[in-house]
Amino acid sequence: TTDKSGKKLHFVYVARRVPAGLATAAVAEVKKAKYLGIDT
């Protein structure tokens, strides 16, 4: 949630260069569960 200086983070990488179909399906399941904060 914060960087080394203590500033709040709003952007972090979770997984890079994921095939589009696979990434879309994973994020869709997160959103289906109504959890916030994940995007592509």
All heavy atoms as atom14 arrays in JSON, in Angstrom:
{
  "sequence": "TTDKSGKKLHFVYVARRVPAGLATAAVAEVKKAKYLGIDT",
  "atom14_mask": [
    [1, 1, 1, 1, 1, 1, 1, 0, 0, 0, 0, 0, 0, 0],
    [1, 1, 1, 1, 1, 1, 1, 0, 0, 0, 0, 0, 0, 0],
    [1, 1, 1, 1, 1, 1, 1, 1, 0, 0, 0, 0, 0, 0],
    [1, 1, 1, 1, 1, 1, 1, 1, 1, 0, 0, 0, 0, 0],
    [1, 1, 1, 1, 1, 1, 0, 0, 0, 0, 0, 0, 0, 0],
    [1, 1, 1, 1, 0, 0, 0, 0, 0, 0, 0, 0, 0, 0],
    [1, 1, 1, 1, 1, 1, 1, 1, 1, 0, 0, 0, 0, 0],
    [1, 1, 1, 1, 1, 1, 1, 1, 1, 0, 0, 0, 0, 0],
    [1, 1, 1, 1, 1, 1, 1, 1, 0, 0, 0, 0, 0, 0],
    [1, 1, 1, 1, 1, 1, 1, 1, 1, 1, 0, 0, 0, 0],
    [1, 1, 1, 1, 1, 1, 1, 1, 1, 1, 1, 0, 0, 0],
    [1, 1, 1, 1, 1, 1, 1, 0, 0, 0, 0, 0, 0, 0],
    [1, 1, 1, 1, 1, 1, 1, 1, 1, 1, 1, 1, 0, 0],
    [1, 1, 1, 1, 1, 1, 1, 0, 0, 0, 0, 0, 0, 0],
    [1, 1, 1, 1, 1, 0, 0, 0, 0, 0, 0, 0, 0, 0],
    [1, 1, 1, 1, 1, 1, 1, 1, 1, 1, 1, 0, 0, 0],
    [1, 1, 1, 1, 1, 1, 1, 1, 1, 1, 1, 0, 0, 0],
    [1, 1, 1, 1, 1, 1, 1, 0, 0, 0, 0, 0, 0, 0],
    [1, 1, 1, 1, 1, 1, 1, 0, 0, 0, 0, 0, 0, 0],
    [1, 1, 1, 1, 1, 0, 0, 0, 0, 0, 0, 0, 0, 0],
    [1, 1, 1, 1, 0, 0, 0, 0, 0, 0, 0, 0, 0, 0],
    [1, 1, 1, 1, 1, 1, 1, 1, 0, 0, 0, 0, 0, 0],
    [1, 1, 1, 1, 1, 0, 0, 0, 0, 0, 0, 0, 0, 0],
    [1, 1, 1, 1, 1, 1, 1, 0, 0, 0, 0, 0, 0, 0],
    [1, 1, 1, 1, 1, 0, 0, 0, 0, 0, 0, 0, 0, 0],
    [1, 1, 1, 1, 1, 0, 0, 0, 0, 0, 0, 0, 0, 0],
    [1, 1, 1, 1, 1, 1, 1, 0, 0, 0, 0, 0, 0, 0],
    [1, 1, 1, 1, 1, 0, 0, 0, 0, 0, 0, 0, 0, 0],
    [1, 1, 1, 1, 1, 1, 1, 1, 1, 0, 0, 0, 0, 0],
    [1, 1, 1, 1, 1, 1, 1, 0, 0, 0, 0, 0, 0, 0],
    [1, 1, 1, 1, 1, 1, 1, 1, 1, 0, 0, 0, 0, 0],
    [1, 1, 1, 1, 1, 1, 1, 1, 1, 0, 0, 0, 0, 0],
    [1, 1, 1, 1, 1, 0, 0, 0, 0, 0, 0, 0, 0, 0],
    [1, 1, 1, 1, 1, 1, 1, 1, 1, 0, 0, 0, 0, 0],
    [1, 1, 1, 1, 1, 1, 1, 1, 1, 1, 1, 1, 0, 0],
    [1, 1, 1, 1, 1, 1, 1, 1, 0, 0, 0, 0, 0, 0],
    [1, 1, 1, 1, 0, 0, 0, 0, 0, 0, 0, 0, 0, 0],
    [1, 1, 1, 1, 1, 1, 1, 1, 0, 0, 0, 0, 0, 0],
    [1, 1, 1, 1, 1, 1, 1, 1, 0, 0, 0, 0, 0, 0],
    [1, 1, 1, 1, 1, 1, 1, 0, 0, 0, 0, 0, 0, 0]
  ],
  "atom14_positions": [
    [[0.8, -1.23, 0.0], [0.0, 0.0, 0.0], [0.84, 1.28, 0.0], [0.31, 2.35, -0.31], [-0.92, 0.01, 1.23], [-0.12, -0.12, 2.41], [-1.92, -1.14, 1.16], [0.0, 0.0, 0.0], [0.0, 0.0, 0.0], [0.0, 0.0, 0.0], [0.0, 0.0, 0.0], [0.0, 0.0, 0.0], [0.0, 0.0, 0.0], [0.0, 0.0, 0.0]],
    [[2.11, 1.19, 0.35], [2.96, 2.39, 0.36], [4.31, 2.08, -0.26], [4.75, 0.92, -0.29], [3.19, 2.92, 1.79], [3.84, 1.91, 2.56], [1.87, 3.3, 2.45], [0.0, 0.0, 0.0], [0.0, 0.0, 0.0], [0.0, 0.0, 0.0], [0.0, 0.0, 0.0], [0.0, 0.0, 0.0], [0.0, 0.0, 0.0], [0.0, 0.0, 0.0]],
    [[4.98, 3.13, -0.75], [6.33, 2.94, -1.26], [7.32, 3.13, -0.13], [6.93, 3.28, 1.05], [6.61, 3.88, -2.43], [6.51, 5.35, -2.03], [6.52, 5.65, -0.81], [6.42, 6.2, -2.93], [0.0, 0.0, 0.0], [0.0, 0.0, 0.0], [0.0, 0.0, 0.0], [0.0, 0.0, 0.0], [0.0, 0.0, 0.0], [0.0, 0.0, 0.0]],
    [[8.61, 3.16, -0.44], [9.63, 3.25, 0.6], [9.58, 4.55, 1.38], [10.0, 4.61, 2.53], [11.02, 3.08, -0.04], [11.25, 1.69, -0.61], [12.64, 1.58, -1.22], [12.89, 0.19, -1.78], [14.23, 0.06, -2.39], [0.0, 0.0, 0.0], [0.0, 0.0, 0.0], [0.0, 0.0, 0.0], [0.0, 0.0, 0.0], [0.0, 0.0, 0.0]],
    [[9.06, 5.59, 0.73], [8.98, 6.89, 1.41], [7.72, 7.05, 2.23], [7.52, 8.06, 2.89], [9.05, 8.02, 0.38], [7.9, 8.0, -0.45], [0.0, 0.0, 0.0], [0.0, 0.0, 0.0], [0.0, 0.0, 0.0], [0.0, 0.0, 0.0], [0.0, 0.0, 0.0], [0.0, 0.0, 0.0], [0.0, 0.0, 0.0], [0.0, 0.0, 0.0]],
    [[6.85, 6.04, 2.19], [5.6, 6.11, 2.94], [4.43, 6.66, 2.15], [3.31, 6.73, 2.65], [0.0, 0.0, 0.0], [0.0, 0.0, 0.0], [0.0, 0.0, 0.0], [0.0, 0.0, 0.0], [0.0, 0.0, 0.0], [0.0, 0.0, 0.0], [0.0, 0.0, 0.0], [0.0, 0.0, 0.0], [0.0, 0.0, 0.0], [0.0, 0.0, 0.0]],
    [[4.66, 7.03, 0.88], [3.58, 7.56, 0.05], [2.68, 6.42, -0.39], [3.13, 5.33, -0.74], [4.16, 8.27, -1.16], [3.11, 8.93, -2.03], [3.75, 9.65, -3.21], [2.7, 10.3, -4.1], [3.32, 11.01, -5.25], [0.0, 0.0, 0.0], [0.0, 0.0, 0.0], [0.0, 0.0, 0.0], [0.0, 0.0, 0.0], [0.0, 0.0, 0.0]],
    [[1.38, 6.7, -0.39], [0.42, 5.67, -0.75], [0.54, 5.3, -2.23], [0.68, 6.15, -3.08], [-1.0, 6.14, -0.46], [-1.3, 6.26, 1.03], [-2.74, 6.63, 1.28], [-3.02, 6.68, 2.77], [-4.43, 7.04, 3.04], [0.0, 0.0, 0.0], [0.0, 0.0, 0.0], [0.0, 0.0, 0.0], [0.0, 0.0, 0.0], [0.0, 0.0, 0.0]],
    [[0.5, 3.99, -2.48], [0.57, 3.47, -3.84], [-0.82, 3.17, -4.38], [-1.65, 2.58, -3.68], [1.41, 2.19, -3.88], [2.92, 2.34, -3.7], [3.58, 0.96, -3.65], [3.52, 3.16, -4.83], [0.0, 0.0, 0.0], [0.0, 0.0, 0.0], [0.0, 0.0, 0.0], [0.0, 0.0, 0.0], [0.0, 0.0, 0.0], [0.0, 0.0, 0.0]],
    [[-1.04, 3.56, -5.61], [-2.31, 3.25, -6.27], [-2.09, 2.38, -7.51], [-3.05, 2.09, -8.22], [-3.01, 4.55, -6.69], [-3.52, 5.35, -5.54], [-4.73, 5.11, -4.94], [-2.95, 6.38, -4.85], [-4.92, 5.98, -3.95], [-3.84, 6.75, -3.88], [0.0, 0.0, 0.0], [0.0, 0.0, 0.0], [0.0, 0.0, 0.0], [0.0, 0.0, 0.0]],
    [[-0.83, 1.99, -7.75], [-0.54, 1.22, -8.95], [0.61, 0.26, -8.7], [1.71, 0.69, -8.36], [-0.19, 2.17, -10.11], [0.12, 1.48, -11.4], [-0.88, 1.18, -12.3], [1.43, 1.11, -11.71], [-0.58, 0.55, -13.51], [1.74, 0.47, -12.89], [0.72, 0.19, -13.8], [0.0, 0.0, 0.0], [0.0, 0.0, 0.0], [0.0, 0.0, 0.0]],
    [[0.35, -1.03, -8.87], [1.4, -2.04, -8.8], [1.13, -3.09, -9.87], [-0.02, -3.34, -10.25], [1.48, -2.74, -7.42], [1.89, -1.78, -6.34], [0.16, -3.41, -7.08], [0.0, 0.0, 0.0], [0.0, 0.0, 0.0], [0.0, 0.0, 0.0], [0.0, 0.0, 0.0], [0.0, 0.0, 0.0], [0.0, 0.0, 0.0], [0.0, 0.0, 0.0]],
    [[2.21, -3.69, -10.38], [2.06, -4.79, -11.33], [1.79, -6.09, -10.57], [2.42, -6.38, -9.56], [3.33, -4.97, -12.16], [3.57, -3.88, -13.17], [4.59, -2.95, -13.0], [2.78, -3.8, -14.32], [4.81, -1.95, -13.96], [2.99, -2.81, -15.26], [4.01, -1.89, -15.08], [4.23, -0.91, -16.0], [0.0, 0.0, 0.0], [0.0, 0.0, 0.0]],
    [[0.88, -6.88, -11.11], [0.61, -8.2, -10.55], [1.17, -9.28, -11.48], [1.82, -10.21, -11.04], [-0.91, -8.42, -10.35], [-1.18, -9.85, -9.85], [-1.47, -7.4, -9.37], [0.0, 0.0, 0.0], [0.0, 0.0, 0.0], [0.0, 0.0, 0.0], [0.0, 0.0, 0.0], [0.0, 0.0, 0.0], [0.0, 0.0, 0.0], [0.0, 0.0, 0.0]],
    [[0.94, -9.13, -12.78], [1.47, -10.09, -13.77], [1.67, -9.38, -15.09], [0.78, -8.66, -15.55], [0.51, -11.26, -13.93], [0.0, 0.0, 0.0], [0.0, 0.0, 0.0], [0.0, 0.0, 0.0], [0.0, 0.0, 0.0], [0.0, 0.0, 0.0], [0.0, 0.0, 0.0], [0.0, 0.0, 0.0], [0.0, 0.0, 0.0], [0.0, 0.0, 0.0]],
    [[2.84, -9.57, -15.69], [3.18, -8.91, -16.94], [3.03, -9.86, -18.12], [3.24, -11.05, -18.01], [4.63, -8.4, -16.91], [4.95, -7.38, -15.82], [4.26, -6.06, -16.05], [4.47, -5.51, -17.37], [5.51, -4.74, -17.69], [6.43, -4.45, -16.78], [5.61, -4.24, -18.92], [0.0, 0.0, 0.0], [0.0, 0.0, 0.0], [0.0, 0.0, 0.0]],
    [[2.67, -9.29, -19.27], [2.65, -9.98, -20.56], [1.89, -11.31, -20.5], [2.42, -12.39, -20.81], [4.07, -10.18, -21.08], [4.72, -8.84, -21.39], [6.16, -8.97, -21.82], [6.67, -7.67, -22.2], [7.11, -6.76, -21.33], [7.16, -7.05, -20.03], [7.53, -5.57, -21.73], [0.0, 0.0, 0.0], [0.0, 0.0, 0.0], [0.0, 0.0, 0.0]],
    [[0.64, -11.2, -20.09], [-0.24, -12.36, -20.01], [-1.07, -12.41, -21.29], [-1.61, -11.39, -21.71], [-1.16, -12.26, -18.78], [-2.05, -13.5, -18.68], [-0.35, -12.08, -17.51], [0.0, 0.0, 0.0], [0.0, 0.0, 0.0], [0.0, 0.0, 0.0], [0.0, 0.0, 0.0], [0.0, 0.0, 0.0], [0.0, 0.0, 0.0], [0.0, 0.0, 0.0]],
    [[-1.21, -13.57, -21.94], [-2.08, -13.66, -23.11], [-3.46, -13.08, -22.8], [-4.01, -13.31, -21.72], [-2.14, -15.17, -23.38], [-0.83, -15.68, -22.89], [-0.52, -14.85, -21.67], [0.0, 0.0, 0.0], [0.0, 0.0, 0.0], [0.0, 0.0, 0.0], [0.0, 0.0, 0.0], [0.0, 0.0, 0.0], [0.0, 0.0, 0.0], [0.0, 0.0, 0.0]],
    [[-3.98, -12.32, -23.76], [-5.18, -11.52, -23.51], [-6.35, -12.34, -22.98], [-7.04, -11.94, -22.03], [-5.59, -10.8, -24.79], [0.0, 0.0, 0.0], [0.0, 0.0, 0.0], [0.0, 0.0, 0.0], [0.0, 0.0, 0.0], [0.0, 0.0, 0.0], [0.0, 0.0, 0.0], [0.0, 0.0, 0.0], [0.0, 0.0, 0.0], [0.0, 0.0, 0.0]],
    [[-6.62, -13.5, -23.58], [-7.75, -14.31, -23.15], [-7.62, -14.78, -21.72], [-8.59, -14.76, -20.94], [0.0, 0.0, 0.0], [0.0, 0.0, 0.0], [0.0, 0.0, 0.0], [0.0, 0.0, 0.0], [0.0, 0.0, 0.0], [0.0, 0.0, 0.0], [0.0, 0.0, 0.0], [0.0, 0.0, 0.0], [0.0, 0.0, 0.0], [0.0, 0.0, 0.0]],
    [[-6.43, -15.18, -21.34], [-6.18, -15.68, -19.99], [-6.33, -14.57, -18.96], [-6.95, -14.74, -17.9], [-4.78, -16.29, -19.93], [-4.38, -17.04, -18.66], [-5.3, -18.23, -18.44], [-2.94, -17.5, -18.76], [0.0, 0.0, 0.0], [0.0, 0.0, 0.0], [0.0, 0.0, 0.0], [0.0, 0.0, 0.0], [0.0, 0.0, 0.0], [0.0, 0.0, 0.0]],
    [[-5.75, -13.4, -19.27], [-5.83, -12.27, -18.35], [-7.27, -11.79, -18.17], [-7.72, -11.5, -17.05], [-4.96, -11.13, -18.84], [0.0, 0.0, 0.0], [0.0, 0.0, 0.0], [0.0, 0.0, 0.0], [0.0, 0.0, 0.0], [0.0, 0.0, 0.0], [0.0, 0.0, 0.0], [0.0, 0.0, 0.0], [0.0, 0.0, 0.0], [0.0, 0.0, 0.0]],
    [[-7.99, -11.7, -19.27], [-9.39, -11.23, -19.21], [-10.24, -12.14, -18.35], [-11.07, -11.68, -17.55], [-9.97, -11.14, -20.63], [-9.17, -10.23, -21.41], [-11.41, -10.64, -20.61], [0.0, 0.0, 0.0], [0.0, 0.0, 0.0], [0.0, 0.0, 0.0], [0.0, 0.0, 0.0], [0.0, 0.0, 0.0], [0.0, 0.0, 0.0], [0.0, 0.0, 0.0]],
    [[-10.06, -13.45, -18.51], [-10.85, -14.41, -17.73], [-10.54, -14.3, -16.24], [-11.45, -14.35, -15.4], [-10.57, -15.82, -18.22], [0.0, 0.0, 0.0], [0.0, 0.0, 0.0], [0.0, 0.0, 0.0], [0.0, 0.0, 0.0], [0.0, 0.0, 0.0], [0.0, 0.0, 0.0], [0.0, 0.0, 0.0], [0.0, 0.0, 0.0], [0.0, 0.0, 0.0]],
    [[-9.27, -14.12, -15.9], [-8.89, -14.02, -14.49], [-9.47, -12.78, -13.84], [-10.02, -12.82, -12.73], [-7.37, -14.04, -14.36], [0.0, 0.0, 0.0], [0.0, 0.0, 0.0], [0.0, 0.0, 0.0], [0.0, 0.0, 0.0], [0.0, 0.0, 0.0], [0.0, 0.0, 0.0], [0.0, 0.0, 0.0], [0.0, 0.0, 0.0], [0.0, 0.0, 0.0]],
    [[-9.36, -11.63, -14.52], [-9.87, -10.37, -13.97], [-11.4, -10.41, -13.88], [-12.0, -9.87, -12.94], [-9.4, -9.18, -14.82], [-10.08, -7.89, -14.39], [-7.89, -9.05, -14.71], [0.0, 0.0, 0.0], [0.0, 0.0, 0.0], [0.0, 0.0, 0.0], [0.0, 0.0, 0.0], [0.0, 0.0, 0.0], [0.0, 0.0, 0.0], [0.0, 0.0, 0.0]],
    [[-12.04, -11.05, -14.86], [-13.5, -11.16, -14.83], [-13.98, -11.9, -13.6], [-15.01, -11.55, -12.99], [-13.99, -11.86, -16.1], [0.0, 0.0, 0.0], [0.0, 0.0, 0.0], [0.0, 0.0, 0.0], [0.0, 0.0, 0.0], [0.0, 0.0, 0.0], [0.0, 0.0, 0.0], [0.0, 0.0, 0.0], [0.0, 0.0, 0.0], [0.0, 0.0, 0.0]],
    [[-13.25, -12.92, -13.19], [-13.65, -13.68, -12.0], [-13.5, -12.83, -10.74], [-14.31, -12.93, -9.82], [-12.82, -14.96, -11.9], [-13.3, -15.87, -10.78], [-12.79, -17.29, -10.91], [-12.51, -17.71, -12.05], [-12.67, -17.97, -9.88], [0.0, 0.0, 0.0], [0.0, 0.0, 0.0], [0.0, 0.0, 0.0], [0.0, 0.0, 0.0], [0.0, 0.0, 0.0]],
    [[-12.44, -12.0, -10.71], [-12.27, -11.11, -9.56], [-13.43, -10.12, -9.49], [-14.02, -9.89, -8.41], [-10.94, -10.34, -9.68], [-10.83, -9.27, -8.59], [-9.76, -11.3, -9.57], [0.0, 0.0, 0.0], [0.0, 0.0, 0.0], [0.0, 0.0, 0.0], [0.0, 0.0, 0.0], [0.0, 0.0, 0.0], [0.0, 0.0, 0.0], [0.0, 0.0, 0.0]],
    [[-13.8, -9.55, -10.62], [-14.89, -8.57, -10.63], [-16.24, -9.22, -10.36], [-17.13, -8.6, -9.77], [-14.88, -7.83, -11.96], [-13.66, -6.94, -12.13], [-13.72, -6.11, -13.4], [-12.51, -5.16, -13.47], [-12.52, -4.33, -14.69], [0.0, 0.0, 0.0], [0.0, 0.0, 0.0], [0.0, 0.0, 0.0], [0.0, 0.0, 0.0], [0.0, 0.0, 0.0]],
    [[-16.4, -10.46, -10.79], [-17.64, -11.18, -10.52], [-17.86, -11.35, -9.02], [-18.99, -11.33, -8.53], [-17.6, -12.55, -11.21], [-18.87, -13.36, -11.05], [-18.75, -14.69, -11.78], [-20.01, -15.52, -11.61], [-19.89, -16.83, -12.31], [0.0, 0.0, 0.0], [0.0, 0.0, 0.0], [0.0, 0.0, 0.0], [0.0, 0.0, 0.0], [0.0, 0.0, 0.0]],
    [[-16.75, -11.51, -8.3], [-16.84, -11.63, -6.84], [-16.99, -10.27, -6.16], [-17.02, -10.19, -4.93], [-15.59, -12.34, -6.32], [0.0, 0.0, 0.0], [0.0, 0.0, 0.0], [0.0, 0.0, 0.0], [0.0, 0.0, 0.0], [0.0, 0.0, 0.0], [0.0, 0.0, 0.0], [0.0, 0.0, 0.0], [0.0, 0.0, 0.0], [0.0, 0.0, 0.0]],
    [[-17.06, -9.18, -7.0], [-17.27, -7.81, -6.53], [-16.11, -7.28, -5.68], [-16.3, -6.5, -4.76], [-18.6, -7.69, -5.77], [-19.8, -8.07, -6.62], [-21.1, -7.7, -5.95], [-22.29, -8.13, -6.8], [-22.29, -7.57, -8.15], [0.0, 0.0, 0.0], [0.0, 0.0, 0.0], [0.0, 0.0, 0.0], [0.0, 0.0, 0.0], [0.0, 0.0, 0.0]],
    [[-14.9, -7.75, -6.01], [-13.71, -7.21, -5.38], [-13.18, -6.07, -6.25], [-13.17, -6.17, -7.48], [-12.63, -8.27, -5.22], [-13.05, -9.45, -4.37], [-12.78, -10.75, -4.78], [-13.73, -9.26, -3.16], [-13.16, -11.84, -4.02], [-14.12, -10.35, -2.39], [-13.83, -11.63, -2.83], [-14.23, -12.7, -2.08], [0.0, 0.0, 0.0], [0.0, 0.0, 0.0]],
    [[-12.73, -5.01, -5.61], [-12.28, -3.82, -6.32], [-10.76, -3.77, -6.44], [-10.05, -4.45, -5.72], [-12.78, -2.56, -5.6], [-14.3, -2.41, -5.43], [-14.62, -1.15, -4.64], [-14.99, -2.39, -6.79], [0.0, 0.0, 0.0], [0.0, 0.0, 0.0], [0.0, 0.0, 0.0], [0.0, 0.0, 0.0], [0.0, 0.0, 0.0], [0.0, 0.0, 0.0]],
    [[-10.3, -2.92, -7.38], [-8.88, -2.59, -7.44], [-8.05, -3.37, -8.44], [-6.85, -3.18, -8.51], [0.0, 0.0, 0.0], [0.0, 0.0, 0.0], [0.0, 0.0, 0.0], [0.0, 0.0, 0.0], [0.0, 0.0, 0.0], [0.0, 0.0, 0.0], [0.0, 0.0, 0.0], [0.0, 0.0, 0.0], [0.0, 0.0, 0.0], [0.0, 0.0, 0.0]],
    [[-8.65, -4.25, -9.23], [-7.91, -5.03, -10.23], [-8.31, -4.58, -11.62], [-9.5, -4.4, -11.92], [-8.19, -6.54, -10.08], [-7.67, -7.04, -8.74], [-7.53, -7.32, -11.21], [-6.16, -6.97, -8.59], [0.0, 0.0, 0.0], [0.0, 0.0, 0.0], [0.0, 0.0, 0.0], [0.0, 0.0, 0.0], [0.0, 0.0, 0.0], [0.0, 0.0, 0.0]],
    [[-7.31, -4.38, -12.47], [-7.59, -3.92, -13.83], [-6.53, -4.48, -14.77], [-5.57, -5.13, -14.34], [-7.61, -2.39, -13.88], [-8.44, -1.85, -15.04], [-8.85, -2.66, -15.89], [-8.66, -0.63, -15.09], [0.0, 0.0, 0.0], [0.0, 0.0, 0.0], [0.0, 0.0, 0.0], [0.0, 0.0, 0.0], [0.0, 0.0, 0.0], [0.0, 0.0, 0.0]],
    [[-6.7, -4.24, -16.06], [-5.73, -4.68, -17.06], [-5.29, -3.51, -17.93], [-6.02, -2.53, -18.1], [-6.32, -5.76, -17.98], [-7.46, -5.26, -18.64], [-6.66, -7.01, -17.2], [0.0, 0.0, 0.0], [0.0, 0.0, 0.0], [0.0, 0.0, 0.0], [0.0, 0.0, 0.0], [0.0, 0.0, 0.0], [0.0, 0.0, 0.0], [0.0, 0.0, 0.0]]
  ]
}
